[in-house]
Amino acid sequence: MRTPTDHCSSTTYPVGRVTDLEIGGMKMVRAGDRRLVLVRTESGIHALDNACPHQGYGLATGQLQGELLTCQWHNWKFCVADGTAIIGEEGVACHPVNVVDDEIRVEITTPSLSEQQSKLWPSLEGAIGNDYRGQIARDTARLLVAGADPTDLVWAGIRIGAPKTEYGVGHEMASAADCLSAVDMLEGLDRTLPVVQALAGISETTRGRAPHDPAGADPTGEFLAALEAEDVDGAVAALRGALADGADMPTVRRWFIEAVAAHHLSFGHGAIYVQKAFELLERGGWQRADQLLPHLTRSLAHGTREDTLPYMAKAMREINDVDLDVLAAVPARPPDPRSTAGLELLEILLNSSEAPVAAAVADAAAVGGVSGILDEVTLAVSTRLLRYDPVNEFDPRSDFGWLDISHGLTYARAARWAWNHEPSPAAARLALLTVFMCHDTGRLERRVGVSSEPALGSDNGDLVEAIRERRAADAVAIAEKGEIDEIGRTLRMVSLTDAAGSFIVSAHLVKMAAASLEEAVATGSKLPLMATARLAASPRRERFVERAAVEAVRFVRDGTPPPR
């Protein structure tokens, strides 16, 4: 790898003689530490980098037809006069040639870091828009070498992709936030992987979509009222008006927390997306709020209000009867090792036939307030992940799977994030919604019963190897034995390594790995990490085509929806 410089430099190299190269001929030459392909055509002598920009194969072994040079490996085609790609994602570098007497001289210019970045940024942005995965990866690595900030790289994807999301930002944004935070665990070019995973998710899900233009700013608008009325344009205009008027992050964050606490939005996704959006802004700077929050607003306005559906009616009556001011005022405190309150609430969460909202509120003081309730929700959902039977993954008639349970943990994490930033009645209400979600993650258990608890395997060996070899029991045992930070870091890195075949599953693994480490630290328990290790190592449904077909046939034949 050539060492980047902070200034532009040029060097001229003699690379051969004209009489040694026939018209229509090519040969590989060296110019310093650079390999070039010299090409002679009717238009003259041209010098291009020998490495095809696709995967680095030598162009000197390609095929020359007139002024067109083809890389034989994958049929990328380049104009020899300037290196422009005729077929392919990006062009190849072309260098000035001067002939003195019979000697061919090539000038190699090494641009400064700022010059490299100015050229690479448009290339990366074009690759994101076109979902050119290889070019995204190459430009990311080159930009990192040229001194670009990984946060700016991911924000390029947010800026391009967020307006093109159909109903507002979603999994692609949430995954990008967790990928970006994983950058902190790495150095140098190793940071390429999490950045590329973030950008790939954005480009894959938004390619070909027309951007949504945010509504104009209305400083007199009422953001929460417009959102409650599902007035998308009104809510966006009110938000943009407030931002233009100087609203700060704590104020706007409070609005969004209140919005997602008002409803159980889209199976808990609303709260998760709010958490991830503000984590991106904490890293990227509040000045970028207008690039992301209008599209988060669209997501919330379009979200399903599941609390209005019949299956949540009883739980919502209990939640609405809670004095949230009193609940929010319950003091947090370390758990008393002599108290069995936590274990008792955990058993209730796992075994109640109804969402145990009242029990959670009644035990709040004993378990340490809202944080204590969230602790027990996390442990209950982790337990469900550890005893889930993966055989269900491959039953096309089942509307339930790993991802449904995992949302219980990531939703609890989002609620804890909200509580940590805004310990208010709204955040307390959000915590009670996670109690319902915890109950909902057990609907398969209530339908078919709980299978026997999976036995632990060997705790000797490498966690990454156990996951790759799908030795779930060993992965759980290794996670139980290891240190929280070490196991959490490993799971986060595994989640970035294409451990899933589809974007939606990959996004959930990334999100689970991040949440499980944070929740393990918060609760002091390894159960979240053990649960994530089992999920990562177990068979999973990676696509959902068969299930969609089965549901479609049932609906067309009988007119019935999937059972809950």
Protein backbone atom coordinates (compact mmCIF):
# COMPACT_ATOMS: atom_id res chain seq x y z
CA MET A 1 0.00 0.00 0.00
CA ARG A 2 1.40 3.38 -0.99
CA THR A 3 1.88 5.75 1.89
CA PRO A 4 -0.41 8.78 1.60
CA THR A 5 1.08 12.24 1.69
CA ASP A 6 -0.36 15.57 2.71
CA HIS A 7 1.02 17.26 -0.39
CA CYS A 8 0.93 16.66 -4.12
CA SER A 9 4.04 15.18 -5.74
CA SER A 10 4.92 14.09 -9.28
CA THR A 11 7.68 11.85 -10.61
CA THR A 12 8.49 10.92 -14.21
CA TYR A 13 9.67 7.39 -14.98
CA PRO A 14 11.17 5.94 -18.15
CA VAL A 15 9.22 2.75 -18.84
CA GLY A 16 10.28 1.52 -22.31
CA ARG A 17 10.81 2.33 -25.95
CA VAL A 18 8.24 3.04 -28.63
CA THR A 19 9.89 0.62 -31.05
CA ASP A 20 9.31 -2.21 -28.56
CA LEU A 21 5.52 -1.75 -28.59
CA GLU A 22 3.48 -2.39 -31.72
CA ILE A 23 0.16 -0.68 -32.44
CA GLY A 24 -2.46 -2.87 -30.84
CA GLY A 25 0.06 -4.13 -28.29
CA MET A 26 0.18 -4.04 -24.48
CA LYS A 27 2.75 -4.80 -21.83
CA MET A 28 3.11 -4.47 -18.08
CA VAL A 29 5.84 -2.12 -16.83
CA ARG A 30 6.95 -0.68 -13.51
CA ALA A 31 7.01 2.98 -12.58
CA GLY A 32 8.55 3.14 -9.13
CA ASP A 33 6.39 0.91 -6.92
CA ARG A 34 3.47 1.10 -9.34
CA ARG A 35 2.58 -1.47 -11.98
CA LEU A 36 1.25 0.00 -15.22
CA VAL A 37 -0.04 -1.37 -18.47
CA LEU A 38 1.31 0.40 -21.52
CA VAL A 39 -1.11 0.36 -24.44
CA ARG A 40 -0.36 1.50 -27.99
CA THR A 41 -3.31 2.23 -30.27
CA GLU A 42 -3.93 4.35 -33.35
CA SER A 43 -4.49 7.32 -31.01
CA GLY A 44 -1.09 6.97 -29.35
CA ILE A 45 0.58 5.45 -26.29
CA HIS A 46 -1.37 5.31 -23.04
CA ALA A 47 -0.43 4.29 -19.50
CA LEU A 48 -3.01 2.96 -17.07
CA ASP A 49 -2.77 1.25 -13.70
CA ASN A 50 -2.35 -2.44 -14.41
CA ALA A 51 -4.69 -3.45 -11.57
CA CYS A 52 -8.33 -3.56 -12.62
CA PRO A 53 -10.22 -1.43 -10.06
CA HIS A 54 -12.73 -4.23 -9.59
CA GLN A 55 -10.58 -6.82 -7.86
CA GLY A 56 -7.02 -6.03 -8.89
CA TYR A 57 -6.48 -8.50 -11.72
CA GLY A 58 -3.85 -7.46 -14.27
CA LEU A 59 -5.17 -5.54 -17.27
CA ALA A 60 -2.07 -6.45 -19.27
CA THR A 61 -3.57 -9.93 -19.63
CA GLY A 62 -6.82 -8.45 -20.94
CA GLN A 63 -8.06 -7.93 -24.47
CA LEU A 64 -7.48 -4.79 -26.52
CA GLN A 65 -9.97 -3.92 -29.25
CA GLY A 66 -9.28 -0.58 -30.83
CA GLU A 67 -9.45 1.97 -28.03
CA LEU A 68 -11.20 -0.40 -25.60
CA LEU A 69 -9.36 -2.51 -23.03
CA THR A 70 -11.29 -5.41 -21.46
CA CYS A 71 -10.40 -7.12 -18.20
CA GLN A 72 -10.95 -10.77 -19.03
CA TRP A 73 -11.84 -11.75 -15.48
CA HIS A 74 -15.21 -9.98 -15.19
CA ASN A 75 -15.59 -8.17 -18.53
CA TRP A 76 -15.07 -4.64 -17.22
CA LYS A 77 -14.15 -2.38 -20.16
CA PHE A 78 -12.10 0.83 -20.15
CA CYS A 79 -11.31 3.59 -22.61
CA VAL A 80 -7.53 3.58 -22.88
CA ALA A 81 -7.32 7.32 -23.53
CA ASP A 82 -8.59 8.36 -20.11
CA GLY A 83 -9.40 5.18 -18.13
CA THR A 84 -13.17 5.79 -18.15
CA ALA A 85 -15.22 2.67 -17.38
CA ILE A 86 -17.50 1.76 -20.29
CA ILE A 87 -18.70 -1.32 -18.42
CA GLY A 88 -17.98 -1.48 -14.69
CA GLU A 89 -18.43 0.48 -11.51
CA GLU A 90 -15.39 2.76 -11.71
CA GLY A 91 -12.61 3.81 -14.04
CA VAL A 92 -8.93 2.97 -13.89
CA ALA A 93 -6.24 5.58 -13.24
CA CYS A 94 -4.65 6.93 -16.42
CA HIS A 95 -1.27 8.70 -16.41
CA PRO A 96 0.28 11.29 -18.76
CA VAL A 97 2.74 9.88 -21.32
CA ASN A 98 5.54 11.79 -23.01
CA VAL A 99 7.85 10.38 -25.70
CA VAL A 100 11.37 11.78 -25.89
CA ASP A 101 13.27 10.45 -28.89
CA ASP A 102 12.23 6.78 -28.67
CA GLU A 103 11.85 6.68 -24.88
CA ILE A 104 8.41 6.42 -23.25
CA ARG A 105 8.14 8.45 -20.06
CA VAL A 106 5.17 8.29 -17.67
CA GLU A 107 4.37 10.92 -15.09
CA ILE A 108 2.98 9.54 -11.83
CA THR A 109 1.26 12.11 -9.64
CA THR A 110 0.48 11.39 -6.02
CA PRO A 111 -2.29 13.78 -4.96
CA SER A 112 -2.46 15.30 -1.50
CA LEU A 113 -4.83 13.83 1.05
CA SER A 114 -7.35 16.60 0.47
CA GLU A 115 -7.15 16.07 -3.29
CA GLN A 116 -7.65 12.34 -2.85
CA GLN A 117 -10.69 12.94 -0.68
CA SER A 118 -12.22 15.46 -3.09
CA LYS A 119 -12.04 12.85 -5.84
CA LEU A 120 -13.18 9.90 -3.74
CA TRP A 121 -16.23 11.45 -2.06
CA PRO A 122 -18.27 11.77 -5.29
CA SER A 123 -17.24 8.25 -6.23
CA LEU A 124 -18.43 6.87 -2.89
CA GLU A 125 -21.70 8.79 -3.07
CA GLY A 126 -22.36 7.44 -6.56
CA ALA A 127 -21.62 3.91 -5.36
CA ILE A 128 -24.06 4.28 -2.46
CA GLY A 129 -26.77 5.49 -4.82
CA ASN A 130 -26.19 2.59 -7.22
CA ASP A 131 -25.63 -0.11 -4.57
CA TYR A 132 -22.20 -0.93 -6.00
CA ARG A 133 -20.96 -2.96 -3.04
CA GLY A 134 -17.38 -3.43 -4.22
CA GLN A 135 -16.93 0.23 -5.05
CA ILE A 136 -18.36 1.22 -1.66
CA ALA A 137 -15.75 -0.98 -0.01
CA ARG A 138 -12.84 0.24 -2.11
CA ASP A 139 -13.73 3.91 -1.76
CA THR A 140 -14.25 3.49 1.98
CA ALA A 141 -10.79 1.95 2.39
CA ARG A 142 -9.21 4.63 0.21
CA LEU A 143 -10.95 7.42 2.10
CA LEU A 144 -9.83 6.01 5.43
CA VAL A 145 -6.24 5.94 4.14
CA ALA A 146 -6.73 9.55 3.00
CA GLY A 147 -7.74 10.55 6.53
CA ALA A 148 -11.53 10.59 6.30
CA ASP A 149 -13.53 10.24 9.52
CA PRO A 150 -15.64 7.03 9.68
CA THR A 151 -18.49 9.09 11.11
CA ASP A 152 -18.51 11.28 8.01
CA LEU A 153 -18.47 8.19 5.80
CA VAL A 154 -21.55 6.72 7.46
CA TRP A 155 -23.28 10.08 7.43
CA ALA A 156 -22.77 10.25 3.68
CA GLY A 157 -24.97 7.16 3.51
CA ILE A 158 -27.55 8.67 5.87
CA ARG A 159 -27.69 11.88 3.87
CA ILE A 160 -28.17 9.99 0.60
CA GLY A 161 -30.36 7.16 1.84
CA ALA A 162 -32.69 8.69 4.44
CA PRO A 163 -34.66 10.78 1.93
CA LYS A 164 -35.13 7.70 -0.27
CA THR A 165 -36.70 5.48 2.39
CA GLU A 166 -40.29 4.71 1.45
CA TYR A 167 -41.98 5.35 4.80
CA GLY A 168 -39.13 6.87 6.75
CA VAL A 169 -35.89 5.47 8.13
CA GLY A 170 -35.85 1.94 9.50
CA HIS A 171 -33.54 -1.03 9.94
CA GLU A 172 -30.93 0.40 7.59
CA MET A 173 -30.50 3.44 9.82
CA ALA A 174 -30.55 1.46 13.07
CA SER A 175 -27.96 -0.98 11.73
CA ALA A 176 -25.78 1.92 10.55
CA ALA A 177 -25.78 3.38 14.07
CA ASP A 178 -24.57 0.13 15.61
CA CYS A 179 -22.03 -0.47 12.84
CA LEU A 180 -20.62 3.00 13.41
CA SER A 181 -20.29 2.45 17.15
CA ALA A 182 -18.37 -0.77 16.39
CA VAL A 183 -15.70 1.35 14.68
CA ASP A 184 -14.45 2.28 18.14
CA MET A 185 -13.27 -1.30 18.66
CA LEU A 186 -10.96 -1.18 15.63
CA GLU A 187 -8.07 0.78 14.22
CA GLY A 188 -6.73 1.73 10.81
CA LEU A 189 -8.10 -0.05 7.76
CA ASP A 190 -9.80 -2.64 9.97
CA ARG A 191 -12.48 0.03 10.39
CA THR A 192 -13.49 -0.55 6.78
CA LEU A 193 -15.77 -3.49 7.60
CA PRO A 194 -18.24 -1.81 9.98
CA VAL A 195 -18.41 1.29 7.77
CA VAL A 196 -19.07 -0.78 4.65
CA GLN A 197 -21.72 -2.84 6.47
CA ALA A 198 -23.47 0.40 7.43
CA LEU A 199 -23.34 1.82 3.92
CA ALA A 200 -24.27 -1.47 2.25
CA GLY A 201 -27.46 -1.76 4.29
CA ILE A 202 -28.46 1.76 3.34
CA SER A 203 -27.69 1.37 -0.35
CA GLU A 204 -29.34 -2.05 -0.65
CA THR A 205 -32.64 -0.89 0.82
CA THR A 206 -32.88 2.48 -0.93
CA ARG A 207 -31.50 1.82 -4.41
CA GLY A 208 -33.73 3.10 -7.17
CA ARG A 209 -36.11 5.00 -4.90
CA ALA A 210 -36.94 8.63 -5.49
CA PRO A 211 -36.09 10.94 -2.59
CA HIS A 212 -38.78 12.50 -0.43
CA ASP A 213 -38.46 16.25 -0.14
CA PRO A 214 -39.02 17.33 3.48
CA ALA A 215 -41.94 19.68 4.06
CA GLY A 216 -41.15 23.34 4.61
CA ALA A 217 -40.40 24.68 8.07
CA ASP A 218 -43.30 25.88 10.25
CA PRO A 219 -42.06 27.37 13.54
CA THR A 220 -45.66 27.70 14.77
CA GLY A 221 -46.48 24.01 14.28
CA GLU A 222 -47.11 21.56 17.11
CA PHE A 223 -44.87 18.58 16.52
CA LEU A 224 -46.47 16.06 18.91
CA ALA A 225 -50.02 17.07 17.98
CA ALA A 226 -49.31 16.69 14.27
CA LEU A 227 -47.62 13.35 14.85
CA GLU A 228 -50.57 12.10 16.90
CA ALA A 229 -52.88 13.12 14.05
CA GLU A 230 -50.63 11.24 11.57
CA ASP A 231 -50.13 14.53 9.76
CA VAL A 232 -46.76 13.67 8.24
CA ASP A 233 -46.13 16.97 6.49
CA GLY A 234 -47.33 18.96 9.49
CA ALA A 235 -45.10 17.06 11.90
CA VAL A 236 -42.07 17.38 9.63
CA ALA A 237 -42.69 21.09 9.11
CA ALA A 238 -43.07 21.67 12.85
CA LEU A 239 -39.84 19.79 13.53
CA ARG A 240 -37.90 21.65 10.85
CA GLY A 241 -39.29 24.93 12.12
CA ALA A 242 -38.10 24.15 15.63
CA LEU A 243 -34.66 23.11 14.37
CA ALA A 244 -34.36 26.29 12.32
CA ASP A 245 -35.35 28.26 15.41
CA GLY A 246 -32.49 26.70 17.40
CA ALA A 247 -34.15 23.85 19.31
CA ASP A 248 -31.42 21.86 21.08
CA MET A 249 -30.90 18.11 21.26
CA PRO A 250 -32.32 17.52 24.77
CA THR A 251 -35.54 19.32 23.89
CA VAL A 252 -36.10 17.52 20.60
CA ARG A 253 -35.04 14.18 22.08
CA ARG A 254 -37.70 14.60 24.76
CA TRP A 255 -40.34 15.15 22.07
CA PHE A 256 -39.40 11.93 20.32
CA ILE A 257 -39.35 9.94 23.55
CA GLU A 258 -42.83 11.23 24.35
CA ALA A 259 -43.96 10.28 20.84
CA VAL A 260 -42.81 6.65 21.07
CA ALA A 261 -44.09 6.30 24.64
CA ALA A 262 -47.57 7.36 23.55
CA HIS A 263 -48.00 4.23 21.40
CA HIS A 264 -46.56 0.74 20.95
CA LEU A 265 -45.28 1.71 17.53
CA SER A 266 -44.61 -1.00 14.95
CA PHE A 267 -43.77 -3.83 17.33
CA GLY A 268 -41.42 -1.57 19.26
CA HIS A 269 -39.45 -0.42 16.25
CA GLY A 270 -40.42 3.21 16.82
CA ALA A 271 -38.52 3.44 20.11
CA ILE A 272 -35.54 1.54 18.69
CA TYR A 273 -35.31 3.87 15.69
CA VAL A 274 -35.45 6.93 17.95
CA GLN A 275 -32.61 5.58 20.08
CA LYS A 276 -30.43 4.82 17.06
CA ALA A 277 -31.14 8.12 15.32
CA PHE A 278 -30.08 10.13 18.35
CA GLU A 279 -27.00 7.95 18.85
CA LEU A 280 -26.02 8.84 15.27
CA LEU A 281 -26.56 12.50 16.02
CA GLU A 282 -24.53 12.29 19.22
CA ARG A 283 -21.60 11.11 17.11
CA GLY A 284 -22.24 13.12 13.97
CA GLY A 285 -23.22 16.44 15.50
CA TRP A 286 -26.53 18.17 16.13
CA GLN A 287 -26.01 20.33 13.03
CA ARG A 288 -26.98 17.24 10.99
CA ALA A 289 -30.37 16.84 12.68
CA ASP A 290 -32.27 18.14 9.65
CA GLN A 291 -30.72 15.42 7.48
CA LEU A 292 -32.18 12.62 9.60
CA LEU A 293 -34.97 13.62 11.98
CA PRO A 294 -37.54 14.61 9.32
CA HIS A 295 -37.27 11.08 7.96
CA LEU A 296 -37.47 9.58 11.45
CA THR A 297 -40.64 11.63 11.84
CA ARG A 298 -42.07 10.06 8.68
CA SER A 299 -41.29 6.64 10.12
CA LEU A 300 -43.15 7.34 13.37
CA ALA A 301 -46.13 8.93 11.64
CA HIS A 302 -46.52 5.90 9.37
CA GLY A 303 -45.92 3.36 12.15
CA THR A 304 -48.59 0.87 13.20
CA ARG A 305 -50.12 1.80 16.56
CA GLU A 306 -50.34 -1.69 17.92
CA ASP A 307 -51.67 -0.47 21.24
CA THR A 308 -54.98 0.20 19.45
CA LEU A 309 -55.36 -3.45 18.41
CA PRO A 310 -57.54 -5.91 20.34
CA TYR A 311 -54.68 -8.13 21.47
CA MET A 312 -53.26 -5.24 23.52
CA ALA A 313 -56.55 -3.95 24.96
CA LYS A 314 -56.22 -5.39 28.47
CA ALA A 315 -52.57 -4.44 28.86
CA MET A 316 -53.28 -0.89 27.69
CA ARG A 317 -56.09 -0.49 30.22
CA GLU A 318 -53.63 -1.43 32.97
CA ILE A 319 -50.92 0.88 31.61
CA ASN A 320 -53.37 3.77 31.30
CA ASP A 321 -54.43 3.27 34.94
CA VAL A 322 -50.85 3.60 36.25
CA ASP A 323 -49.86 6.83 37.97
CA LEU A 324 -46.75 7.39 35.87
CA ASP A 325 -45.53 10.29 38.01
CA VAL A 326 -45.42 7.96 41.01
CA LEU A 327 -43.73 5.18 39.05
CA ALA A 328 -41.11 7.55 37.63
CA ALA A 329 -40.35 8.80 41.15
CA VAL A 330 -39.54 5.32 42.54
CA PRO A 331 -35.85 5.54 43.45
CA ALA A 332 -33.34 3.40 41.65
CA ARG A 333 -31.03 1.39 43.89
CA PRO A 334 -28.70 -1.58 43.63
CA PRO A 335 -30.55 -4.87 44.08
CA ASP A 336 -30.60 -6.25 47.60
CA PRO A 337 -28.91 -9.70 47.50
CA ARG A 338 -31.24 -10.79 50.32
CA SER A 339 -34.35 -9.90 48.32
CA THR A 340 -36.12 -12.38 46.06
CA ALA A 341 -38.22 -9.67 44.40
CA GLY A 342 -36.27 -9.77 41.16
CA LEU A 343 -36.57 -13.53 40.83
CA GLU A 344 -40.25 -13.37 41.64
CA LEU A 345 -40.93 -10.74 38.97
CA LEU A 346 -38.84 -12.70 36.49
CA GLU A 347 -40.97 -15.79 37.09
CA ILE A 348 -44.13 -13.73 36.64
CA LEU A 349 -42.84 -12.26 33.38
CA LEU A 350 -42.04 -15.73 32.07
CA ASN A 351 -45.16 -17.55 33.22
CA SER A 352 -48.08 -15.12 33.38
CA SER A 353 -50.98 -15.82 31.03
CA GLU A 354 -51.51 -12.06 30.62
CA ALA A 355 -49.04 -9.18 30.32
CA PRO A 356 -48.13 -8.61 33.99
CA VAL A 357 -48.19 -4.82 33.97
CA ALA A 358 -49.77 -4.54 37.41
CA ALA A 359 -47.26 -6.95 38.92
CA ALA A 360 -44.35 -4.99 37.47
CA VAL A 361 -45.69 -1.74 38.91
CA ALA A 362 -46.38 -3.36 42.29
CA ASP A 363 -42.82 -4.71 42.45
CA ALA A 364 -41.18 -1.51 41.19
CA ALA A 365 -39.94 -0.36 44.58
CA ALA A 366 -38.62 -3.82 45.45
CA VAL A 367 -36.65 -4.24 42.21
CA GLY A 368 -35.26 -0.69 42.02
CA GLY A 369 -37.78 1.35 40.05
CA VAL A 370 -38.02 1.62 36.28
CA SER A 371 -34.45 0.42 35.77
CA GLY A 372 -35.17 -2.67 37.86
CA ILE A 373 -38.27 -3.48 35.80
CA LEU A 374 -36.17 -3.21 32.64
CA ASP A 375 -33.54 -5.50 34.19
CA GLU A 376 -36.13 -8.23 34.68
CA VAL A 377 -37.59 -7.74 31.20
CA THR A 378 -34.12 -8.18 29.71
CA LEU A 379 -33.48 -11.35 31.72
CA ALA A 380 -36.88 -12.80 30.84
CA VAL A 381 -36.46 -12.21 27.11
CA SER A 382 -32.91 -13.59 27.23
CA THR A 383 -34.26 -16.72 28.91
CA ARG A 384 -36.80 -17.12 26.12
CA LEU A 385 -34.06 -16.84 23.51
CA LEU A 386 -32.07 -19.50 25.32
CA ARG A 387 -34.95 -21.99 25.34
CA TYR A 388 -36.44 -21.23 21.91
CA ASP A 389 -36.72 -24.31 19.67
CA PRO A 390 -35.15 -23.47 16.27
CA VAL A 391 -37.22 -26.22 14.65
CA ASN A 392 -39.99 -23.63 14.56
CA GLU A 393 -37.87 -21.51 12.19
CA PHE A 394 -38.62 -23.87 9.34
CA ASP A 395 -42.34 -24.26 9.82
CA PRO A 396 -43.80 -22.05 7.06
CA ARG A 397 -47.12 -21.95 8.90
CA SER A 398 -45.55 -20.26 11.92
CA ASP A 399 -45.68 -16.48 12.08
CA PHE A 400 -43.09 -16.42 14.88
CA GLY A 401 -39.32 -16.70 15.00
CA TRP A 402 -36.02 -15.66 16.49
CA LEU A 403 -36.46 -12.04 15.42
CA ASP A 404 -39.77 -11.70 17.25
CA ILE A 405 -38.13 -12.63 20.54
CA SER A 406 -35.04 -10.54 19.90
CA HIS A 407 -37.20 -7.42 19.69
CA GLY A 408 -38.07 -7.86 23.34
CA LEU A 409 -34.44 -7.27 24.27
CA THR A 410 -33.71 -4.44 21.83
CA TYR A 411 -36.97 -2.73 22.82
CA ALA A 412 -35.96 -2.93 26.49
CA ARG A 413 -32.60 -1.46 25.55
CA ALA A 414 -34.30 1.45 23.77
CA ALA A 415 -36.52 2.05 26.80
CA ARG A 416 -33.48 2.08 29.08
CA TRP A 417 -31.77 4.55 26.75
CA ALA A 418 -34.86 6.78 26.96
CA TRP A 419 -34.99 6.46 30.75
CA ASN A 420 -31.29 7.23 31.13
CA HIS A 421 -31.68 10.41 29.08
CA GLU A 422 -35.14 11.47 30.23
CA PRO A 423 -36.25 9.80 33.50
CA SER A 424 -39.80 11.01 33.08
CA PRO A 425 -43.36 9.66 33.20
CA ALA A 426 -43.19 9.18 29.42
CA ALA A 427 -40.07 7.00 29.69
CA ALA A 428 -41.71 5.07 32.56
CA ARG A 429 -44.69 4.38 30.30
CA LEU A 430 -42.31 3.14 27.62
CA ALA A 431 -40.83 0.71 30.14
CA LEU A 432 -44.32 -0.67 30.81
CA LEU A 433 -44.78 -1.19 27.07
CA THR A 434 -41.67 -3.38 27.18
CA VAL A 435 -43.40 -5.49 29.82
CA PHE A 436 -46.12 -6.15 27.29
CA MET A 437 -43.52 -6.88 24.61
CA CYS A 438 -41.81 -9.32 26.96
CA HIS A 439 -45.13 -11.12 27.38
CA ASP A 440 -45.69 -11.12 23.61
CA THR A 441 -42.32 -12.81 23.01
CA GLY A 442 -43.77 -15.83 24.84
CA ARG A 443 -46.76 -16.38 22.58
CA LEU A 444 -45.20 -19.43 20.89
CA GLU A 445 -44.40 -20.93 24.31
CA ARG A 446 -48.00 -20.44 25.36
CA ARG A 447 -49.17 -22.02 22.13
CA VAL A 448 -46.97 -25.13 22.01
CA GLY A 449 -45.36 -25.27 25.44
CA VAL A 450 -41.77 -24.81 26.54
CA SER A 451 -39.30 -27.31 25.19
CA SER A 452 -36.69 -28.66 27.59
CA GLU A 453 -33.96 -26.21 28.49
CA PRO A 454 -31.00 -26.65 26.09
CA ALA A 455 -28.00 -28.26 27.73
CA LEU A 456 -24.73 -26.36 27.81
CA GLY A 457 -21.96 -27.69 25.61
CA SER A 458 -18.23 -27.42 26.06
CA ASP A 459 -16.89 -24.10 27.25
CA ASN A 460 -13.48 -24.84 25.79
CA GLY A 461 -12.69 -23.27 22.45
CA ASP A 462 -13.23 -20.16 20.43
CA LEU A 463 -16.61 -18.40 20.35
CA VAL A 464 -16.22 -17.29 16.73
CA GLU A 465 -15.46 -20.85 15.65
CA ALA A 466 -18.42 -22.23 17.60
CA ILE A 467 -20.75 -19.75 15.92
CA ARG A 468 -19.39 -20.41 12.42
CA GLU A 469 -19.71 -24.16 12.93
CA ARG A 470 -23.25 -23.73 14.29
CA ARG A 471 -22.40 -25.35 17.62
CA ALA A 472 -25.01 -23.39 19.57
CA ALA A 473 -24.61 -25.22 22.89
CA ASP A 474 -20.86 -24.64 22.86
CA ALA A 475 -21.33 -20.99 21.92
CA VAL A 476 -23.62 -20.47 24.92
CA ALA A 477 -21.20 -22.22 27.28
CA ILE A 478 -18.25 -20.15 26.05
CA ALA A 479 -20.27 -16.95 26.45
CA GLU A 480 -21.24 -17.95 29.99
CA LYS A 481 -17.61 -18.54 30.95
CA GLY A 482 -16.11 -15.44 29.35
CA GLU A 483 -15.83 -11.86 30.55
CA ILE A 484 -18.73 -9.58 29.61
CA ASP A 485 -16.64 -7.05 27.65
CA GLU A 486 -14.67 -9.72 25.80
CA ILE A 487 -17.71 -11.80 24.83
CA GLY A 488 -19.67 -8.69 23.90
CA ARG A 489 -16.90 -7.42 21.65
CA THR A 490 -16.62 -10.81 19.96
CA LEU A 491 -20.36 -11.00 19.32
CA ARG A 492 -20.35 -7.49 17.90
CA MET A 493 -17.55 -8.37 15.50
CA VAL A 494 -19.24 -11.64 14.46
CA SER A 495 -22.43 -9.72 13.70
CA LEU A 496 -20.48 -7.67 11.13
CA THR A 497 -19.04 -10.64 9.26
CA ASP A 498 -21.95 -11.65 7.03
CA ALA A 499 -23.20 -14.16 9.57
CA ALA A 500 -26.63 -13.79 7.96
CA GLY A 501 -27.68 -14.23 4.36
CA SER A 502 -30.28 -11.47 4.13
CA PHE A 503 -30.07 -7.85 5.14
CA ILE A 504 -33.02 -7.99 7.53
CA VAL A 505 -31.48 -10.84 9.54
CA SER A 506 -28.05 -9.22 9.43
CA ALA A 507 -29.53 -5.97 10.75
CA HIS A 508 -31.15 -7.83 13.65
CA LEU A 509 -27.90 -9.62 14.52
CA VAL A 510 -26.01 -6.32 14.52
CA LYS A 511 -28.70 -4.72 16.68
CA MET A 512 -28.88 -7.69 19.07
CA ALA A 513 -25.12 -7.87 19.54
CA ALA A 514 -24.95 -4.19 20.47
CA ALA A 515 -27.98 -4.31 22.77
CA SER A 516 -26.92 -7.52 24.50
CA LEU A 517 -23.53 -6.08 25.47
CA GLU A 518 -25.12 -2.89 26.78
CA GLU A 519 -27.80 -4.83 28.67
CA ALA A 520 -25.26 -7.27 30.10
CA VAL A 521 -23.35 -4.31 31.51
CA ALA A 522 -26.56 -2.73 32.81
CA THR A 523 -27.88 -5.88 34.49
CA GLY A 524 -24.56 -7.46 35.47
CA SER A 525 -25.80 -10.69 33.89
CA LYS A 526 -24.33 -12.66 30.99
CA LEU A 527 -27.76 -13.98 29.97
CA PRO A 528 -28.20 -11.40 27.15
CA LEU A 529 -24.80 -12.36 25.71
CA MET A 530 -25.52 -16.07 26.02
CA ALA A 531 -28.85 -15.53 24.26
CA THR A 532 -27.19 -13.64 21.40
CA ALA A 533 -24.50 -16.30 21.07
CA ARG A 534 -27.21 -18.94 20.73
CA LEU A 535 -29.10 -16.88 18.16
CA ALA A 536 -25.92 -16.30 16.12
CA ALA A 537 -24.96 -19.99 16.17
CA SER A 538 -28.40 -21.53 15.58
CA PRO A 539 -30.28 -22.32 12.36
CA ARG A 540 -32.36 -19.35 11.28
CA ARG A 541 -34.94 -18.52 8.67
CA GLU A 542 -32.99 -16.15 6.43
CA ARG A 543 -35.70 -15.37 3.88
CA PHE A 544 -39.44 -15.19 4.29
CA VAL A 545 -40.71 -16.01 0.81
CA GLU A 546 -42.14 -19.43 1.65
CA ARG A 547 -43.98 -18.11 4.70
CA ALA A 548 -45.40 -15.22 2.66
CA ALA A 549 -46.60 -17.68 0.03
CA VAL A 550 -48.23 -19.93 2.64
CA GLU A 551 -49.99 -16.96 4.24
CA ALA A 552 -51.11 -15.71 0.83
CA VAL A 553 -52.60 -19.08 -0.10
CA ARG A 554 -54.40 -19.29 3.23
CA PHE A 555 -55.77 -15.78 2.83
CA VAL A 556 -56.90 -16.32 -0.77
CA ARG A 557 -58.55 -19.62 0.11
CA ASP A 558 -60.08 -18.77 3.47
CA GLY A 559 -59.80 -15.01 3.92
CA THR A 560 -58.15 -15.49 7.32
CA PRO A 561 -55.11 -13.63 8.70
CA PRO A 562 -52.18 -15.40 10.37
CA PRO A 563 -52.94 -16.45 13.98
CA ARG A 564 -51.25 -14.56 16.81
